């Protein structure tokens, strides 16, 4: 009887250790997900607003905005704890045919960061009631990091495909304010401000 108990115990251990073999090979195949273009082709009718913001910062060049990386509490992601680093940096914008605005920055790095960070997100636009401010909001943004040569960090590089953005653009002053939640394992948000 004792021998039968050992056999059953070892059988359960063997099955639990090999359960990954029972998963479908399609589990991690991103090509099986629906094509995002199928549901992002809606015409939002905000082409003029997207073009206005794009042209305001077109050719603004180096040091176009102030990017401040702020650490938040991990539990609620609402309480700012520490400004990690800050630098003037150019942003990339491109107005899209559907009326959205593609927004991001490339290879952002400071003395405090052993990584280069690149972000990209499609932003939807909405004009406020008095038509002096354009509200910005976006989801499903991508965040990618790369180690600077010669400075290995010893852990996997943080990345995200769930970044979220909210902010506004004041038409008269061309002031831009963006709160970009990077959705990384450590709760970090980029506060982006600029005035042309």
Protein backbone atom coordinates (compact mmCIF):
# COMPACT_ATOMS: atom_id res chain seq x y z
CA UNK A 1 0.00 0.00 0.00
CA UNK A 2 2.86 2.34 0.87
CA UNK A 3 4.45 1.57 -2.52
CA UNK A 4 1.22 2.47 -4.31
CA UNK A 5 1.17 5.82 -2.49
CA UNK A 6 4.72 6.56 -3.69
CA UNK A 7 3.77 5.66 -7.26
CA UNK A 8 0.73 7.97 -7.17
CA UNK A 9 2.82 10.79 -5.62
CA UNK A 10 5.56 10.47 -8.25
CA UNK A 11 2.92 10.31 -11.00
CA UNK A 12 1.39 13.58 -9.83
CA UNK A 13 4.83 15.20 -9.58
CA UNK A 14 5.75 14.02 -13.09
CA UNK A 15 2.48 15.32 -14.57
CA UNK A 16 2.79 18.69 -12.83
CA UNK A 17 6.40 19.11 -13.99
CA UNK A 18 5.55 18.29 -17.58
CA UNK A 19 2.29 20.27 -17.87
CA UNK A 20 3.96 22.83 -20.17
CA UNK A 21 4.12 20.07 -22.77
CA UNK A 22 0.31 20.06 -22.87
CA UNK A 23 0.02 23.74 -23.90
CA UNK A 24 -0.77 24.49 -27.51
CA UNK A 25 2.25 25.59 -29.57
CA UNK A 26 0.00 28.47 -30.74
CA UNK A 27 -0.09 30.01 -27.25
CA UNK A 28 2.79 32.43 -27.93
CA UNK A 29 2.17 32.97 -31.64
CA UNK A 30 1.30 36.68 -32.11
CA UNK A 31 0.49 36.13 -35.79
CA UNK A 32 -2.77 34.46 -34.71
CA UNK A 33 -4.06 37.65 -33.04
CA UNK A 34 -6.44 39.83 -35.06
CA UNK A 35 -4.84 42.46 -37.25
CA UNK A 36 -4.98 45.73 -35.32
CA UNK A 37 -5.40 47.62 -38.59
CA UNK A 38 -8.82 45.98 -38.96
CA UNK A 39 -10.19 48.00 -36.03
CA UNK A 40 -7.97 51.11 -36.21
CA UNK A 41 -9.14 52.33 -39.62
CA UNK A 42 -12.08 54.32 -38.26
CA UNK A 43 -12.19 57.92 -39.50
CA UNK A 44 -12.20 60.10 -36.37
CA UNK A 45 -12.68 63.34 -38.33
CA UNK A 46 -9.87 65.08 -36.44
CA UNK A 47 -7.33 65.31 -39.27
CA UNK A 48 -7.14 69.13 -39.01
CA UNK A 49 -6.45 68.97 -35.25
CA UNK A 50 -3.77 66.29 -35.66
CA UNK A 51 -2.12 68.30 -38.44
CA UNK A 52 -2.21 71.46 -36.30
CA UNK A 53 -0.29 69.83 -33.44
CA UNK A 54 2.09 68.10 -35.84
CA UNK A 55 2.90 71.37 -37.63
CA UNK A 56 3.37 73.24 -34.34
CA UNK A 57 6.20 70.91 -33.36
CA UNK A 58 7.49 70.15 -36.86
CA UNK A 59 11.12 71.10 -37.16
CA UNK A 60 11.22 72.15 -33.53
CA UNK A 61 14.37 70.08 -33.42
CA UNK A 62 16.57 69.14 -30.55
CA UNK A 63 15.48 69.86 -27.01
CA UNK A 64 11.89 70.42 -28.06
CA UNK A 65 10.16 69.30 -24.85
CA UNK A 66 10.97 68.56 -21.25
CA UNK A 67 10.64 64.84 -20.40
CA UNK A 68 10.59 63.98 -16.71
CA UNK A 69 10.49 60.29 -15.65
CA UNK A 70 8.62 60.01 -12.35
CA UNK A 71 8.33 56.88 -10.18
CA UNK A 72 4.86 56.19 -8.72
CA UNK A 73 3.60 53.84 -6.05
CA UNK A 74 3.18 50.31 -7.41
CA UNK A 75 -0.12 49.68 -5.66
CA UNK A 76 -2.33 52.40 -7.18
CA UNK A 77 0.06 54.03 -9.70
CA UNK A 78 -1.40 57.41 -8.69
CA UNK A 79 0.99 58.77 -6.03
CA UNK A 80 4.23 60.27 -7.40
CA UNK A 81 7.15 59.23 -5.21
CA UNK A 82 10.34 60.39 -6.90
CA UNK A 83 11.46 62.23 -10.00
CA UNK A 84 13.94 59.74 -11.39
CA UNK A 85 15.46 61.80 -14.19
CA UNK A 86 14.71 64.74 -16.47
CA UNK A 87 16.00 66.10 -19.75
CA UNK A 88 15.08 68.22 -22.76
CA UNK A 89 14.44 65.89 -25.70
CA UNK A 90 12.80 65.97 -29.13
CA UNK A 91 9.47 64.23 -29.66
CA UNK A 92 8.27 62.63 -32.87
CA UNK A 93 4.78 63.34 -34.16
CA UNK A 94 3.00 62.35 -37.34
CA UNK A 95 -0.63 63.02 -38.17
CA UNK A 96 -2.42 59.97 -39.57
CA UNK A 97 -5.04 59.73 -42.30
CA UNK A 98 -7.69 58.53 -39.83
CA UNK A 99 -7.31 61.69 -37.69
CA UNK A 100 -5.13 60.22 -34.95
CA UNK A 101 -1.71 61.57 -34.02
CA UNK A 102 1.29 59.24 -33.77
CA UNK A 103 3.38 60.41 -30.81
CA UNK A 104 6.60 59.26 -29.17
CA UNK A 105 10.30 59.79 -28.64
CA UNK A 106 13.40 57.83 -29.64
CA UNK A 107 16.44 56.71 -27.64
CA UNK A 108 15.69 58.88 -24.60
CA UNK A 109 18.58 58.64 -22.16
CA UNK A 110 20.10 60.67 -19.34
CA UNK A 111 23.08 60.30 -17.03
CA UNK A 112 20.82 58.50 -14.53
CA UNK A 113 19.51 55.94 -17.03
CA UNK A 114 21.63 52.98 -18.15
CA UNK A 115 19.03 52.39 -20.89
CA UNK A 116 17.76 54.11 -24.00
CA UNK A 117 13.96 54.32 -24.16
CA UNK A 118 11.85 54.53 -27.31
CA UNK A 119 8.08 55.01 -27.18
CA UNK A 120 5.27 55.15 -29.70
CA UNK A 121 1.50 55.56 -29.32
CA UNK A 122 -1.47 56.57 -31.45
CA UNK A 123 -3.36 59.43 -29.80
CA UNK A 124 -7.01 60.32 -30.29
CA UNK A 125 -7.93 64.01 -30.24
CA UNK A 126 -10.98 65.88 -29.00
CA UNK A 127 -11.65 69.62 -29.11
CA UNK A 128 -13.06 71.10 -25.90
CA UNK A 129 -16.32 73.08 -25.81
CA UNK A 130 -14.74 76.53 -26.27
CA UNK A 131 -12.35 75.16 -28.92
CA UNK A 132 -9.16 76.48 -27.32
CA UNK A 133 -7.79 73.16 -26.07
CA UNK A 134 -7.33 69.78 -27.74
CA UNK A 135 -7.60 66.80 -25.37
CA UNK A 136 -5.23 63.89 -26.01
CA UNK A 137 -5.68 60.26 -25.04
CA UNK A 138 -4.16 57.00 -26.21
CA UNK A 139 -3.82 53.34 -25.26
CA UNK A 140 -1.84 50.29 -26.37
CA UNK A 141 1.37 52.27 -26.80
CA UNK A 142 4.71 50.53 -27.09
CA UNK A 143 7.74 51.13 -24.89
CA UNK A 144 11.08 49.58 -25.79
CA UNK A 145 14.41 49.87 -24.04
CA UNK A 146 17.93 49.05 -25.15
CA UNK A 147 21.07 48.72 -23.06
CA UNK A 148 23.76 51.26 -23.81
CA UNK A 149 26.87 49.50 -25.12
CA UNK A 150 29.27 48.57 -22.37
CA UNK A 151 26.66 48.98 -19.63
CA UNK A 152 24.89 45.64 -19.11
CA UNK A 153 22.12 45.88 -16.52
CA UNK A 154 21.97 42.17 -15.65
CA UNK A 155 18.18 41.82 -15.93
CA UNK A 156 15.74 41.51 -18.83
CA UNK A 157 15.12 44.82 -20.57
CA UNK A 158 11.77 46.34 -19.54
CA UNK A 159 9.22 46.78 -22.28
CA UNK A 160 5.47 47.25 -22.66
CA UNK A 161 2.70 47.17 -25.25
CA UNK A 162 0.10 48.61 -22.86
CA UNK A 163 1.31 52.20 -22.40
CA UNK A 164 -1.38 54.85 -21.89
CA UNK A 165 -1.35 58.58 -22.53
CA UNK A 166 -3.51 61.53 -21.57
CA UNK A 167 -2.91 65.22 -21.90
CA UNK A 168 -3.80 68.42 -23.71
CA UNK A 169 -2.58 70.96 -26.24
CA UNK A 170 -3.49 74.66 -25.87
CA UNK A 171 -3.98 76.13 -29.32
CA UNK A 172 -3.23 79.80 -28.54
CA UNK A 173 0.07 79.25 -26.69
CA UNK A 174 1.01 75.94 -28.41
CA UNK A 175 1.58 74.51 -24.95
CA UNK A 176 1.71 70.71 -24.76
CA UNK A 177 1.25 68.66 -21.59
CA UNK A 178 1.30 64.85 -21.64
CA UNK A 179 1.19 62.25 -18.87
CA UNK A 180 2.52 59.05 -20.44
CA UNK A 181 2.07 55.94 -18.25
CA UNK A 182 4.77 53.59 -19.55
CA UNK A 183 3.15 50.52 -17.93
CA UNK A 184 6.51 48.99 -17.05
CA UNK A 185 6.98 46.52 -14.15
CA UNK A 186 8.13 49.47 -12.02
CA UNK A 187 5.41 52.15 -12.03
CA UNK A 188 7.01 54.94 -14.05
CA UNK A 189 5.33 57.76 -15.95
CA UNK A 190 6.79 60.33 -18.31
CA UNK A 191 5.64 63.90 -17.71
CA UNK A 192 6.13 65.72 -21.03
CA UNK A 193 5.75 69.49 -21.34
CA UNK A 194 6.56 71.81 -24.20
CA UNK A 195 5.79 75.30 -25.43
CA UNK A 196 6.71 76.32 -28.94
